[in-house]
Amino acid sequence: MSQKYQHLLVESRNQVGLVTLNRPKALNALCSDLFTELNEALAKFDNDDGIGAIVLTGSEKAFAAGADIKEMSNTNYIENFQSNFLGHWTQISKTRKPIIAAVNGFALGGGCELAMMCDIIYAGDKAKFGQPEIKLGTIPGAGGTQRLTHAVGKSKAMEMVLTGSWNLSAEEAERAGLVSKVFPADKVVDEAVKTAGKIAEHSRPMVQMAKEAVNQAYELNLSSGLLFERRLFHSTFGTADQREGMQAFIEKRPAKFGQKQ
C-alpha cells in the first residue's frame, strides 16, 4: 500500500496488513482526521485479495490515550447530533477481515473503545485500559459502556466507567477477558502479526463467516444464534474450500485453499 497518511503508518507483511497510529506528540489522540484515514486504510486492506488479516497498533508509550479533547470541547448537542459525531468511528467494526489490536501503553477512553472494536486484543505487559470520560463531565460515546460490559461484566465495567480512575493492567485485562494474551512490550506487535499470519493461511470466506458468527453472539439470543451458526455451517458445504479442507485432512496433506470459492 503506497499511499501516505498524515496520522498513520501503513505496511504489508506478507498476507498481513499492519496499521500504526502515528500522532506521537498527542499520544495518538483520536481526532476525526485520524479516523477518516484509518477507515480508508482498513477498507483498502479489506478489499485487497493479498491480505488475509490486519493488525492495528500504536506506539510503545500509547496505543491511543483517548479522543482529541481539544477537537470536541467546543462542540454542542445539536451540532453533534446532526453530524452523528463519532459515528464514523464504528466503521472499523464493519471490516470483514479479522483485526488484531496490539496494545502497548495507554488505551484510555476512545483508545480502549478502539481496541474493543477489534476482534482480538493482544497487550504488552505495561498496557493500561480505562474509561476516564466521567472526569471530563461526559460519558463514553463509542462503546465504552456497551462493549466493555460484554467483555468484563457489569460490576467491573461500572467501576471503570463511574470512577474514571480504575484502569486495568494488562494482566487484569487478560483475567477479565478483555485481552486474549499478554506479551513483553517489544514482542506484542510481532506476536500479533504472527497470529494474523496464521489466520491469513485459512480460507478467507470461512474466516469471514466464522468472524460474523462469533459477532452475532452479541446480537442474538442463544436459539437464534445457534440457528445462524448452523445455517452458515451448512453454507460452507457449497464451497470448494470446504471440499479441499476435508479432502486434505483425509489424505493427510496441507490444504490449498482457493480463497474465493
Protein backbone atom coordinates (compact mmCIF):
# COMPACT_ATOMS: atom_id res chain seq x y z
CA MET A 1 0.00 0.00 0.00
CA SER A 2 1.82 3.09 -1.26
CA GLN A 3 -0.47 5.89 -0.07
CA LYS A 4 0.95 8.24 2.55
CA TYR A 5 -1.15 9.26 5.54
CA GLN A 6 -0.73 12.14 7.95
CA HIS A 7 -1.65 10.19 11.08
CA LEU A 8 -0.90 6.57 10.15
CA LEU A 9 1.95 4.32 9.09
CA VAL A 10 0.74 1.53 6.82
CA GLU A 11 2.59 -1.52 5.52
CA SER A 12 2.10 -5.13 4.50
CA ARG A 13 3.91 -8.10 5.99
CA ASN A 14 3.25 -10.98 3.63
CA GLN A 15 -0.51 -11.60 3.96
CA VAL A 16 -0.94 -9.27 6.95
CA GLY A 17 -1.80 -5.59 6.80
CA LEU A 18 -0.18 -3.52 9.58
CA VAL A 19 -1.60 -0.12 10.55
CA THR A 20 0.21 2.01 13.14
CA LEU A 21 -1.40 5.07 14.70
CA ASN A 22 1.13 7.88 14.37
CA ARG A 23 0.40 11.04 16.38
CA PRO A 24 3.30 10.72 18.83
CA LYS A 25 3.14 14.27 20.20
CA ALA A 26 -0.52 13.75 21.14
CA LEU A 27 -0.06 10.16 22.42
CA ASN A 28 -2.12 9.04 19.41
CA ALA A 29 -5.18 11.03 20.49
CA LEU A 30 -8.02 10.08 18.17
CA CYS A 31 -9.01 13.06 16.05
CA SER A 32 -11.59 12.99 13.28
CA ASP A 33 -8.99 13.11 10.51
CA LEU A 34 -7.17 10.13 12.01
CA PHE A 35 -10.34 8.05 11.95
CA THR A 36 -11.07 9.09 8.37
CA GLU A 37 -7.61 7.88 7.39
CA LEU A 38 -7.99 4.71 9.47
CA ASN A 39 -11.28 3.82 7.82
CA GLU A 40 -9.73 4.35 4.41
CA ALA A 41 -6.65 2.24 5.17
CA LEU A 42 -8.71 -0.59 6.63
CA ALA A 43 -11.11 -0.54 3.65
CA LYS A 44 -8.16 -0.90 1.27
CA PHE A 45 -6.80 -3.88 3.18
CA ASP A 46 -10.31 -5.32 3.41
CA ASN A 47 -10.57 -5.26 -0.39
CA ASP A 48 -7.01 -6.46 -1.04
CA ASP A 49 -7.00 -10.12 -2.11
CA GLY A 50 -3.41 -10.43 -0.92
CA ILE A 51 -4.29 -9.59 2.68
CA GLY A 52 -5.96 -12.10 5.00
CA ALA A 53 -5.88 -10.30 8.36
CA ILE A 54 -4.96 -6.92 9.84
CA VAL A 55 -3.01 -5.72 12.87
CA LEU A 56 -3.69 -2.31 14.42
CA THR A 57 -1.19 -0.83 16.85
CA GLY A 58 0.19 2.43 18.25
CA SER A 59 3.46 3.33 19.94
CA GLU A 60 5.09 1.62 22.89
CA LYS A 61 4.01 4.54 25.09
CA ALA A 62 0.40 4.74 23.93
CA PHE A 63 -1.89 2.70 21.74
CA ALA A 64 -4.22 5.71 21.95
CA ALA A 65 -4.57 7.87 25.04
CA GLY A 66 -8.14 8.84 24.18
CA ALA A 67 -10.15 11.09 21.92
CA ASP A 68 -8.82 14.51 20.93
CA ILE A 69 -10.43 16.62 23.68
CA LYS A 70 -9.37 19.91 22.10
CA GLU A 71 -11.23 18.97 18.94
CA MET A 72 -14.52 18.20 20.70
CA SER A 73 -14.51 20.59 23.66
CA ASN A 74 -16.37 23.45 21.93
CA THR A 75 -18.98 21.40 20.07
CA ASN A 76 -22.63 21.41 21.16
CA TYR A 77 -25.52 18.96 21.33
CA ILE A 78 -27.31 19.95 18.11
CA GLU A 79 -24.06 20.02 16.16
CA ASN A 80 -23.03 16.59 17.45
CA PHE A 81 -26.48 15.12 16.91
CA GLN A 82 -26.86 16.36 13.36
CA SER A 83 -23.35 15.34 12.34
CA ASN A 84 -23.65 11.99 14.17
CA PHE A 85 -20.41 12.81 15.95
CA LEU A 86 -18.22 9.70 16.44
CA GLY A 87 -20.48 7.75 14.08
CA HIS A 88 -17.64 7.14 11.64
CA TRP A 89 -15.59 5.62 14.46
CA THR A 90 -17.70 2.47 14.31
CA GLN A 91 -16.80 1.73 10.70
CA ILE A 92 -13.86 -0.36 11.89
CA SER A 93 -16.27 -2.93 13.36
CA LYS A 94 -17.72 -3.48 9.87
CA THR A 95 -14.38 -4.62 8.45
CA ARG A 96 -14.85 -8.15 7.15
CA LYS A 97 -11.31 -9.37 7.73
CA PRO A 98 -10.14 -10.03 11.30
CA ILE A 99 -8.35 -7.19 13.08
CA ILE A 100 -5.95 -7.79 15.96
CA ALA A 101 -5.22 -4.85 18.25
CA ALA A 102 -1.63 -4.90 19.53
CA VAL A 103 -1.83 -2.60 22.54
CA ASN A 104 1.12 -1.04 24.31
CA GLY A 105 0.97 1.72 26.91
CA PHE A 106 -2.22 3.68 27.37
CA ALA A 107 -5.52 2.57 25.86
CA LEU A 108 -7.80 5.06 27.56
CA GLY A 109 -11.23 6.39 26.65
CA GLY A 110 -11.52 6.26 22.89
CA GLY A 111 -8.31 4.24 22.77
CA CYS A 112 -9.87 1.48 24.86
CA GLU A 113 -13.01 1.70 22.73
CA LEU A 114 -10.96 1.42 19.54
CA ALA A 115 -9.19 -1.68 20.84
CA MET A 116 -12.56 -3.24 21.69
CA MET A 117 -13.79 -2.66 18.13
CA CYS A 118 -11.09 -5.09 17.01
CA ASP A 119 -11.63 -8.86 17.01
CA ILE A 120 -8.68 -9.89 19.18
CA ILE A 121 -6.66 -7.82 21.66
CA TYR A 122 -3.03 -8.63 22.48
CA ALA A 123 -1.46 -6.46 25.18
CA GLY A 124 2.08 -5.52 26.04
CA ASP A 125 2.88 -6.12 29.70
CA LYS A 126 2.77 -2.38 30.51
CA ALA A 127 -0.58 -1.69 28.82
CA LYS A 128 -3.34 0.13 30.70
CA PHE A 129 -7.03 0.06 29.80
CA GLY A 130 -9.53 2.57 31.15
CA GLN A 131 -12.58 4.78 30.54
CA PRO A 132 -11.89 8.15 32.24
CA GLU A 133 -14.60 10.17 30.46
CA ILE A 134 -16.55 10.79 33.68
CA LYS A 135 -13.68 13.03 34.82
CA LEU A 136 -14.34 15.27 31.81
CA GLY A 137 -18.01 15.74 32.60
CA THR A 138 -19.20 13.28 29.97
CA ILE A 139 -19.50 9.53 29.37
CA PRO A 140 -18.03 7.07 26.85
CA GLY A 141 -19.53 7.54 23.41
CA ALA A 142 -18.00 4.85 21.19
CA GLY A 143 -18.71 1.60 23.01
CA GLY A 144 -17.21 2.10 26.47
CA THR A 145 -20.47 1.34 28.26
CA GLN A 146 -21.50 -1.44 25.88
CA ARG A 147 -18.57 -3.46 24.57
CA LEU A 148 -16.72 -3.13 27.87
CA THR A 149 -19.69 -4.56 29.79
CA HIS A 150 -19.88 -7.51 27.41
CA ALA A 151 -16.15 -8.10 27.84
CA VAL A 152 -15.60 -7.74 31.59
CA GLY A 153 -19.09 -7.89 33.12
CA LYS A 154 -21.34 -5.26 34.70
CA SER A 155 -19.57 -4.74 38.03
CA LYS A 156 -16.09 -4.21 36.60
CA ALA A 157 -17.42 -2.02 33.79
CA MET A 158 -19.39 0.08 36.26
CA GLU A 159 -16.31 0.54 38.43
CA MET A 160 -14.19 1.65 35.48
CA VAL A 161 -16.80 3.94 33.93
CA LEU A 162 -18.15 5.51 37.13
CA THR A 163 -14.82 6.19 38.85
CA GLY A 164 -12.88 7.08 35.73
CA SER A 165 -9.73 6.19 37.62
CA TRP A 166 -9.79 2.40 37.84
CA ASN A 167 -7.58 1.26 34.98
CA LEU A 168 -6.94 -2.37 34.17
CA SER A 169 -3.36 -3.53 33.87
CA ALA A 170 -2.55 -5.94 31.07
CA GLU A 171 -2.71 -8.90 33.44
CA GLU A 172 -6.02 -7.75 34.94
CA ALA A 173 -7.44 -7.22 31.46
CA GLU A 174 -6.43 -10.74 30.49
CA ARG A 175 -8.03 -12.23 33.61
CA ALA A 176 -11.21 -10.23 32.98
CA GLY A 177 -11.47 -11.48 29.40
CA LEU A 178 -10.82 -8.13 27.71
CA VAL A 179 -7.41 -9.27 26.40
CA SER A 180 -6.51 -12.61 24.84
CA LYS A 181 -2.81 -12.71 25.68
CA VAL A 182 -0.08 -10.59 27.28
CA PHE A 183 3.45 -10.31 25.88
CA PRO A 184 6.56 -8.26 26.62
CA ALA A 185 6.06 -4.79 25.17
CA ASP A 186 8.70 -5.25 22.48
CA LYS A 187 7.15 -8.53 21.32
CA VAL A 188 3.43 -7.78 21.16
CA VAL A 189 3.31 -6.43 17.59
CA ASP A 190 5.35 -9.35 16.22
CA GLU A 191 3.13 -11.82 18.09
CA ALA A 192 0.01 -10.15 16.71
CA VAL A 193 1.44 -10.30 13.18
CA LYS A 194 2.30 -13.96 13.73
CA THR A 195 -1.27 -14.80 14.77
CA ALA A 196 -2.68 -12.72 11.92
CA GLY A 197 -0.46 -14.69 9.55
CA LYS A 198 -1.87 -17.97 10.84
CA ILE A 199 -5.41 -16.67 10.28
CA ALA A 200 -4.48 -15.50 6.78
CA GLU A 201 -3.44 -19.04 5.83
CA HIS A 202 -7.01 -20.30 6.25
CA SER A 203 -9.85 -20.00 3.77
CA ARG A 204 -10.78 -16.30 3.53
CA PRO A 205 -14.52 -16.93 3.14
CA MET A 206 -14.52 -19.33 6.10
CA VAL A 207 -12.62 -16.85 8.28
CA GLN A 208 -15.14 -14.13 7.44
CA MET A 209 -18.05 -16.46 8.16
CA ALA A 210 -16.54 -17.50 11.48
CA LYS A 211 -15.99 -13.86 12.47
CA GLU A 212 -19.56 -13.00 11.56
CA ALA A 213 -20.92 -15.94 13.55
CA VAL A 214 -18.95 -15.06 16.69
CA ASN A 215 -20.03 -11.42 16.47
CA GLN A 216 -23.67 -12.45 16.24
CA ALA A 217 -23.35 -13.96 19.71
CA TYR A 218 -23.50 -10.37 20.97
CA GLU A 219 -26.59 -9.54 18.93
CA LEU A 220 -28.85 -12.62 19.08
CA ASN A 221 -30.38 -14.77 21.78
CA LEU A 222 -28.95 -18.28 22.10
CA SER A 223 -31.51 -20.14 19.97
CA SER A 224 -31.30 -17.55 17.17
CA GLY A 225 -27.52 -17.53 17.36
CA LEU A 226 -27.31 -21.31 17.14
CA LEU A 227 -29.57 -21.29 14.10
CA PHE A 228 -27.49 -18.54 12.47
CA GLU A 229 -24.32 -20.54 13.11
CA ARG A 230 -25.83 -23.76 11.76
CA ARG A 231 -27.02 -22.11 8.56
CA LEU A 232 -23.59 -20.64 7.94
CA PHE A 233 -22.08 -24.06 8.68
CA HIS A 234 -24.43 -25.63 6.12
CA SER A 235 -23.47 -22.99 3.56
CA THR A 236 -19.78 -23.92 3.78
CA PHE A 237 -20.62 -27.23 2.10
CA GLY A 238 -21.32 -25.33 -1.09
CA THR A 239 -17.71 -24.15 -1.33
CA ALA A 240 -14.57 -25.52 -2.91
CA ASP A 241 -12.59 -24.64 0.22
CA GLN A 242 -14.71 -26.98 2.36
CA ARG A 243 -14.18 -29.82 -0.10
CA GLU A 244 -10.46 -29.11 -0.28
CA GLY A 245 -10.06 -28.80 3.50
CA MET A 246 -11.79 -32.09 4.30
CA GLN A 247 -10.13 -33.97 1.45
CA ALA A 248 -6.72 -32.70 2.58
CA PHE A 249 -7.47 -33.92 6.11
CA ILE A 250 -8.41 -37.37 4.79
CA GLU A 251 -5.29 -37.50 2.62
CA LYS A 252 -3.09 -36.20 5.47
CA ARG A 253 -1.71 -33.26 3.49
CA PRO A 254 -1.82 -29.46 3.88
CA ALA A 255 -4.93 -27.87 2.41
CA LYS A 256 -4.58 -25.47 -0.53
CA PHE A 257 -7.43 -23.02 -0.23
CA GLY A 258 -8.58 -21.07 -3.25
CA GLN A 259 -9.73 -18.18 -1.01
CA LYS A 260 -12.65 -17.11 -3.21
CA GLN A 261 -14.79 -20.19 -3.77
